[in-house]
Amino acid sequence: MPRSEDFNRDEVLEKAKNVFWMKGYNGTSMQDLVDAMGLNRSSIYNSFGNKMELYQQSLKKYQTDSGCLFNKVEEKNRNAIESVGLAFLYMLDDILHDKEEKGCMIINCFTEMGNQDESLKGLYEANQEHLHNFFETMVKKGQQDGSIRKDESSDALAHYLVSAFQGFRITGSSVRDPKILKGIIQNILKTIA
């Protein structure tokens, strides 16, 4: 009979997520994880599997946590163009509060490991699909309420917004000036209006 876990799984996974987020997969050693999680190696392996399985669980936790941004946008119940702008403003807030300059864990993962593991590709593709679905919903809504242009398909504009959103996050890793970043948001919104 397997032993029950005598730790808070979510808290420990949060610690692992933060180590991977800061150091990347290849830069994180098992000793880093042991030190951060406060568990011995056998407990980590028994509870989370190998290092790659723990990394994948950490990425899924990050996806769940960061998905709250889109929930906050939808809760505001604004018109579509304002909702798209709000998503970018929430990302701007994340950028400005990212004092350790960790960036987006999903983007970091894909640039480091995207061609090395099929299951990671699946996670990245699922994240892309989630982003695309969110933006396409907003674009369709905006094309109905007149706040977003209709001369391109909602699919094409959603792909543009996904690319812009991810590019904005990457830009925010090196550009920390709120004025410049807000100007980028304004230009993105002008492009779809």
C-alpha atoms as a PDB file:
ATOM      1  CA  MET A   1       0.000   0.000   0.000  1.00  0.00           C
ATOM      2  CA  PRO A   2       1.502   3.377  -0.992  1.00  0.00           C
ATOM      3  CA  ARG A   3       2.318   5.811   1.776  1.00  0.00           C
ATOM      4  CA  SER A   4       0.141   8.863   2.048  1.00  0.00           C
ATOM      5  CA  GLU A   5       1.796  12.192   1.364  1.00  0.00           C
ATOM      6  CA  ASP A   6       2.568  14.136   4.527  1.00  0.00           C
ATOM      7  CA  PHE A   7       2.959  17.471   2.739  1.00  0.00           C
ATOM      8  CA  ASN A   8       0.742  19.940   0.928  1.00  0.00           C
ATOM      9  CA  ARG A   9       1.070  18.827  -2.692  1.00  0.00           C
ATOM     10  CA  ASP A  10       0.021  22.175  -4.167  1.00  0.00           C
ATOM     11  CA  GLU A  11       2.500  24.149  -2.045  1.00  0.00           C
ATOM     12  CA  VAL A  12       5.360  21.809  -2.895  1.00  0.00           C
ATOM     13  CA  LEU A  13       4.483  21.884  -6.599  1.00  0.00           C
ATOM     14  CA  GLU A  14       4.441  25.694  -6.428  1.00  0.00           C
ATOM     15  CA  LYS A  15       8.024  25.592  -5.127  1.00  0.00           C
ATOM     16  CA  ALA A  16       9.103  23.275  -7.933  1.00  0.00           C
ATOM     17  CA  LYS A  17       7.357  25.498 -10.478  1.00  0.00           C
ATOM     18  CA  ASN A  18       9.276  28.532  -9.236  1.00  0.00           C
ATOM     19  CA  VAL A  19      12.637  26.744  -9.519  1.00  0.00           C
ATOM     20  CA  PHE A  20      11.924  25.556 -13.073  1.00  0.00           C
ATOM     21  CA  TRP A  21      10.569  28.989 -13.987  1.00  0.00           C
ATOM     22  CA  MET A  22      13.710  30.716 -12.774  1.00  0.00           C
ATOM     23  CA  LYS A  23      16.328  28.230 -14.007  1.00  0.00           C
ATOM     24  CA  GLY A  24      14.637  26.385 -16.867  1.00  0.00           C
ATOM     25  CA  TYR A  25      14.520  22.625 -17.207  1.00  0.00           C
ATOM     26  CA  ASN A  26      18.167  22.054 -18.087  1.00  0.00           C
ATOM     27  CA  GLY A  27      19.429  24.545 -15.505  1.00  0.00           C
ATOM     28  CA  THR A  28      17.501  22.871 -12.675  1.00  0.00           C
ATOM     29  CA  SER A  29      19.186  19.991 -10.881  1.00  0.00           C
ATOM     30  CA  MET A  30      17.454  17.408  -8.733  1.00  0.00           C
ATOM     31  CA  GLN A  31      19.336  18.931  -5.791  1.00  0.00           C
ATOM     32  CA  ASP A  32      17.766  22.322  -6.599  1.00  0.00           C
ATOM     33  CA  LEU A  33      14.361  20.660  -6.429  1.00  0.00           C
ATOM     34  CA  VAL A  34      15.176  18.808  -3.196  1.00  0.00           C
ATOM     35  CA  ASP A  35      16.315  22.080  -1.603  1.00  0.00           C
ATOM     36  CA  ALA A  36      13.334  24.119  -2.796  1.00  0.00           C
ATOM     37  CA  MET A  37      10.617  21.527  -2.190  1.00  0.00           C
ATOM     38  CA  GLY A  38      11.919  20.371   1.189  1.00  0.00           C
ATOM     39  CA  LEU A  39      11.523  16.726   0.152  1.00  0.00           C
ATOM     40  CA  ASN A  40      14.086  14.002  -0.369  1.00  0.00           C
ATOM     41  CA  ARG A  41      14.636  12.561  -3.827  1.00  0.00           C
ATOM     42  CA  SER A  42      12.650   9.395  -3.214  1.00  0.00           C
ATOM     43  CA  SER A  43       9.633  11.407  -2.026  1.00  0.00           C
ATOM     44  CA  ILE A  44       9.815  13.552  -5.155  1.00  0.00           C
ATOM     45  CA  TYR A  45      10.047  10.512  -7.421  1.00  0.00           C
ATOM     46  CA  ASN A  46       7.278   8.661  -5.562  1.00  0.00           C
ATOM     47  CA  SER A  47       4.912  11.648  -5.551  1.00  0.00           C
ATOM     48  CA  PHE A  48       5.685  13.416  -8.825  1.00  0.00           C
ATOM     49  CA  GLY A  49       7.601  10.952 -11.006  1.00  0.00           C
ATOM     50  CA  ASN A  50      10.862  11.803 -12.724  1.00  0.00           C
ATOM     51  CA  LYS A  51      12.206  15.298 -13.362  1.00  0.00           C
ATOM     52  CA  MET A  52      10.377  15.637 -16.708  1.00  0.00           C
ATOM     53  CA  GLU A  53       7.063  14.581 -15.165  1.00  0.00           C
ATOM     54  CA  LEU A  54       7.554  17.123 -12.372  1.00  0.00           C
ATOM     55  CA  TYR A  55       8.384  19.768 -14.969  1.00  0.00           C
ATOM     56  CA  GLN A  56       5.207  18.980 -16.898  1.00  0.00           C
ATOM     57  CA  GLN A  57       3.132  19.197 -13.718  1.00  0.00           C
ATOM     58  CA  SER A  58       4.791  22.531 -12.943  1.00  0.00           C
ATOM     59  CA  LEU A  59       3.947  23.816 -16.427  1.00  0.00           C
ATOM     60  CA  LYS A  60       0.324  22.723 -16.035  1.00  0.00           C
ATOM     61  CA  LYS A  61       0.163  24.541 -12.705  1.00  0.00           C
ATOM     62  CA  TYR A  62       1.598  27.645 -14.350  1.00  0.00           C
ATOM     63  CA  GLN A  63      -0.989  27.393 -17.146  1.00  0.00           C
ATOM     64  CA  THR A  64      -3.799  27.118 -14.604  1.00  0.00           C
ATOM     65  CA  ASP A  65      -2.474  30.013 -12.520  1.00  0.00           C
ATOM     66  CA  SER A  66      -1.855  32.290 -15.507  1.00  0.00           C
ATOM     67  CA  GLY A  67      -5.238  31.426 -17.035  1.00  0.00           C
ATOM     68  CA  CYS A  68      -6.781  33.514 -14.274  1.00  0.00           C
ATOM     69  CA  LEU A  69      -5.770  36.603 -16.273  1.00  0.00           C
ATOM     70  CA  PHE A  70      -8.372  35.742 -18.913  1.00  0.00           C
ATOM     71  CA  ASN A  71     -10.987  34.993 -16.267  1.00  0.00           C
ATOM     72  CA  LYS A  72     -10.404  38.478 -14.816  1.00  0.00           C
ATOM     73  CA  VAL A  73     -10.889  39.988 -18.269  1.00  0.00           C
ATOM     74  CA  GLU A  74     -14.168  38.145 -18.808  1.00  0.00           C
ATOM     75  CA  GLU A  75     -15.437  39.135 -15.346  1.00  0.00           C
ATOM     76  CA  LYS A  76     -15.097  42.825 -16.254  1.00  0.00           C
ATOM     77  CA  ASN A  77     -17.728  42.387 -19.012  1.00  0.00           C
ATOM     78  CA  ARG A  78     -16.410  45.181 -21.249  1.00  0.00           C
ATOM     79  CA  ASN A  79     -16.882  45.532 -24.982  1.00  0.00           C
ATOM     80  CA  ALA A  80     -14.548  43.378 -27.055  1.00  0.00           C
ATOM     81  CA  ILE A  81     -11.820  45.896 -27.912  1.00  0.00           C
ATOM     82  CA  GLU A  82     -11.648  46.982 -24.260  1.00  0.00           C
ATOM     83  CA  SER A  83     -11.432  43.322 -23.201  1.00  0.00           C
ATOM     84  CA  VAL A  84      -8.518  42.696 -25.550  1.00  0.00           C
ATOM     85  CA  GLY A  85      -6.822  45.833 -24.233  1.00  0.00           C
ATOM     86  CA  LEU A  86      -7.451  44.698 -20.676  1.00  0.00           C
ATOM     87  CA  ALA A  87      -5.732  41.349 -21.356  1.00  0.00           C
ATOM     88  CA  PHE A  88      -2.662  43.253 -22.531  1.00  0.00           C
ATOM     89  CA  LEU A  89      -2.832  45.626 -19.537  1.00  0.00           C
ATOM     90  CA  TYR A  90      -2.964  42.676 -17.134  1.00  0.00           C
ATOM     91  CA  MET A  91       0.076  41.265 -18.925  1.00  0.00           C
ATOM     92  CA  LEU A  92       1.753  44.671 -18.599  1.00  0.00           C
ATOM     93  CA  ASP A  93       1.108  44.526 -14.856  1.00  0.00           C
ATOM     94  CA  ASP A  94       2.712  41.061 -14.740  1.00  0.00           C
ATOM     95  CA  ILE A  95       5.718  42.366 -16.670  1.00  0.00           C
ATOM     96  CA  LEU A  96       6.204  45.356 -14.370  1.00  0.00           C
ATOM     97  CA  HIS A  97       5.917  43.171 -11.255  1.00  0.00           C
ATOM     98  CA  ASP A  98       8.301  40.501 -12.586  1.00  0.00           C
ATOM     99  CA  LYS A  99      11.235  41.772 -10.521  1.00  0.00           C
ATOM    100  CA  GLU A 100      13.216  38.552 -11.075  1.00  0.00           C
ATOM    101  CA  GLU A 101      12.654  38.891 -14.851  1.00  0.00           C
ATOM    102  CA  LYS A 102      11.519  35.282 -15.177  1.00  0.00           C
ATOM    103  CA  GLY A 103       9.310  35.974 -18.200  1.00  0.00           C
ATOM    104  CA  CYS A 104       6.540  33.626 -19.269  1.00  0.00           C
ATOM    105  CA  MET A 105       7.222  30.049 -18.198  1.00  0.00           C
ATOM    106  CA  ILE A 106       5.426  28.603 -21.246  1.00  0.00           C
ATOM    107  CA  ILE A 107       7.423  30.721 -23.704  1.00  0.00           C
ATOM    108  CA  ASN A 108      10.616  29.922 -21.778  1.00  0.00           C
ATOM    109  CA  CYS A 109       9.786  26.227 -21.968  1.00  0.00           C
ATOM    110  CA  PHE A 110       9.136  26.260 -25.684  1.00  0.00           C
ATOM    111  CA  THR A 111      12.291  28.185 -26.529  1.00  0.00           C
ATOM    112  CA  GLU A 112      14.391  25.876 -24.342  1.00  0.00           C
ATOM    113  CA  MET A 113      12.720  22.502 -24.892  1.00  0.00           C
ATOM    114  CA  GLY A 114      10.204  22.809 -27.726  1.00  0.00           C
ATOM    115  CA  ASN A 115      11.960  20.410 -30.065  1.00  0.00           C
ATOM    116  CA  GLN A 116      13.120  17.955 -27.412  1.00  0.00           C
ATOM    117  CA  ASP A 117       9.960  16.394 -26.044  1.00  0.00           C
ATOM    118  CA  GLU A 118       6.651  15.601 -27.767  1.00  0.00           C
ATOM    119  CA  SER A 119       4.604  15.948 -24.577  1.00  0.00           C
ATOM    120  CA  LEU A 120       5.949  19.464 -24.085  1.00  0.00           C
ATOM    121  CA  LYS A 121       4.909  20.299 -27.640  1.00  0.00           C
ATOM    122  CA  GLY A 122       1.433  19.115 -26.679  1.00  0.00           C
ATOM    123  CA  LEU A 123       1.350  21.429 -23.666  1.00  0.00           C
ATOM    124  CA  TYR A 124       2.518  24.349 -25.772  1.00  0.00           C
ATOM    125  CA  GLU A 125      -0.025  23.617 -28.493  1.00  0.00           C
ATOM    126  CA  ALA A 126      -2.795  23.400 -25.882  1.00  0.00           C
ATOM    127  CA  ASN A 127      -1.700  26.782 -24.532  1.00  0.00           C
ATOM    128  CA  GLN A 128      -1.712  28.238 -28.061  1.00  0.00           C
ATOM    129  CA  GLU A 129      -5.199  26.873 -28.639  1.00  0.00           C
ATOM    130  CA  HIS A 130      -6.443  28.369 -25.363  1.00  0.00           C
ATOM    131  CA  LEU A 131      -5.014  31.783 -26.279  1.00  0.00           C
ATOM    132  CA  HIS A 132      -6.418  31.563 -29.798  1.00  0.00           C
ATOM    133  CA  ASN A 133      -9.877  30.592 -28.530  1.00  0.00           C
ATOM    134  CA  PHE A 134      -9.917  33.495 -26.086  1.00  0.00           C
ATOM    135  CA  PHE A 135      -8.879  36.058 -28.690  1.00  0.00           C
ATOM    136  CA  GLU A 136     -11.134  34.632 -31.400  1.00  0.00           C
ATOM    137  CA  THR A 137     -14.103  34.855 -29.031  1.00  0.00           C
ATOM    138  CA  MET A 138     -13.210  38.486 -28.328  1.00  0.00           C
ATOM    139  CA  VAL A 139     -12.755  39.267 -32.037  1.00  0.00           C
ATOM    140  CA  LYS A 140     -16.105  37.707 -32.978  1.00  0.00           C
ATOM    141  CA  LYS A 141     -17.761  39.684 -30.210  1.00  0.00           C
ATOM    142  CA  GLY A 142     -16.016  42.851 -31.411  1.00  0.00           C
ATOM    143  CA  GLN A 143     -17.002  42.260 -35.004  1.00  0.00           C
ATOM    144  CA  GLN A 144     -20.603  42.031 -33.823  1.00  0.00           C
ATOM    145  CA  ASP A 145     -20.476  45.092 -31.570  1.00  0.00           C
ATOM    146  CA  GLY A 146     -18.506  47.131 -34.136  1.00  0.00           C
ATOM    147  CA  SER A 147     -15.399  47.673 -32.006  1.00  0.00           C
ATOM    148  CA  ILE A 148     -13.207  45.345 -34.134  1.00  0.00           C
ATOM    149  CA  ARG A 149     -12.850  45.500 -37.917  1.00  0.00           C
ATOM    150  CA  LYS A 150     -14.585  42.966 -40.143  1.00  0.00           C
ATOM    151  CA  ASP A 151     -12.318  43.006 -43.210  1.00  0.00           C
ATOM    152  CA  GLU A 152     -10.373  39.985 -41.926  1.00  0.00           C
ATOM    153  CA  SER A 153     -11.628  36.740 -40.449  1.00  0.00           C
ATOM    154  CA  SER A 154     -11.877  36.321 -36.704  1.00  0.00           C
ATOM    155  CA  ASP A 155      -9.428  33.418 -37.051  1.00  0.00           C
ATOM    156  CA  ALA A 156      -6.773  35.571 -38.778  1.00  0.00           C
ATOM    157  CA  LEU A 157      -7.130  38.406 -36.254  1.00  0.00           C
ATOM    158  CA  ALA A 158      -6.992  35.921 -33.366  1.00  0.00           C
ATOM    159  CA  HIS A 159      -3.724  34.495 -34.733  1.00  0.00           C
ATOM    160  CA  TYR A 160      -2.364  38.037 -34.956  1.00  0.00           C
ATOM    161  CA  LEU A 161      -3.383  38.730 -31.343  1.00  0.00           C
ATOM    162  CA  VAL A 162      -1.800  35.499 -30.063  1.00  0.00           C
ATOM    163  CA  SER A 163       1.440  36.441 -31.793  1.00  0.00           C
ATOM    164  CA  ALA A 164       1.225  40.026 -30.515  1.00  0.00           C
ATOM    165  CA  PHE A 165       0.450  38.860 -26.973  1.00  0.00           C
ATOM    166  CA  GLN A 166       3.405  36.499 -26.837  1.00  0.00           C
ATOM    167  CA  GLY A 167       5.679  39.015 -28.527  1.00  0.00           C
ATOM    168  CA  PHE A 168       4.565  41.646 -26.037  1.00  0.00           C
ATOM    169  CA  ARG A 169       5.525  39.339 -23.158  1.00  0.00           C
ATOM    170  CA  ILE A 170       8.944  38.706 -24.674  1.00  0.00           C
ATOM    171  CA  THR A 171       9.472  42.430 -25.327  1.00  0.00           C
ATOM    172  CA  GLY A 172       8.594  43.084 -21.695  1.00  0.00           C
ATOM    173  CA  SER A 173      11.591  40.989 -20.665  1.00  0.00           C
ATOM    174  CA  SER A 174      13.951  43.670 -21.978  1.00  0.00           C
ATOM    175  CA  VAL A 175      11.817  46.817 -22.185  1.00  0.00           C
ATOM    176  CA  ARG A 176      10.632  47.893 -18.738  1.00  0.00           C
ATOM    177  CA  ASP A 177       9.359  51.387 -19.575  1.00  0.00           C
ATOM    178  CA  PRO A 178       5.562  51.465 -18.998  1.00  0.00           C
ATOM    179  CA  LYS A 179       5.143  54.326 -21.484  1.00  0.00           C
ATOM    180  CA  ILE A 180       6.754  52.337 -24.306  1.00  0.00           C
ATOM    181  CA  LEU A 181       4.795  49.197 -23.410  1.00  0.00           C
ATOM    182  CA  LYS A 182       1.489  51.075 -23.266  1.00  0.00           C
ATOM    183  CA  GLY A 183       2.301  52.531 -26.690  1.00  0.00           C
ATOM    184  CA  ILE A 184       2.752  49.007 -28.045  1.00  0.00           C
ATOM    185  CA  ILE A 185      -0.660  48.040 -26.651  1.00  0.00           C
ATOM    186  CA  GLN A 186      -2.263  51.086 -28.291  1.00  0.00           C
ATOM    187  CA  ASN A 187      -0.737  50.166 -31.653  1.00  0.00           C
ATOM    188  CA  ILE A 188      -1.945  46.564 -31.372  1.00  0.00           C
ATOM    189  CA  LEU A 189      -5.465  47.769 -30.621  1.00  0.00           C
ATOM    190  CA  LYS A 190      -5.355  50.256 -33.541  1.00  0.00           C
ATOM    191  CA  THR A 191      -4.433  47.382 -35.862  1.00  0.00           C
ATOM    192  CA  ILE A 192      -7.599  45.429 -35.052  1.00  0.00           C
ATOM    193  CA  ALA A 193     -10.003  48.374 -34.613  1.00  0.00           C
END
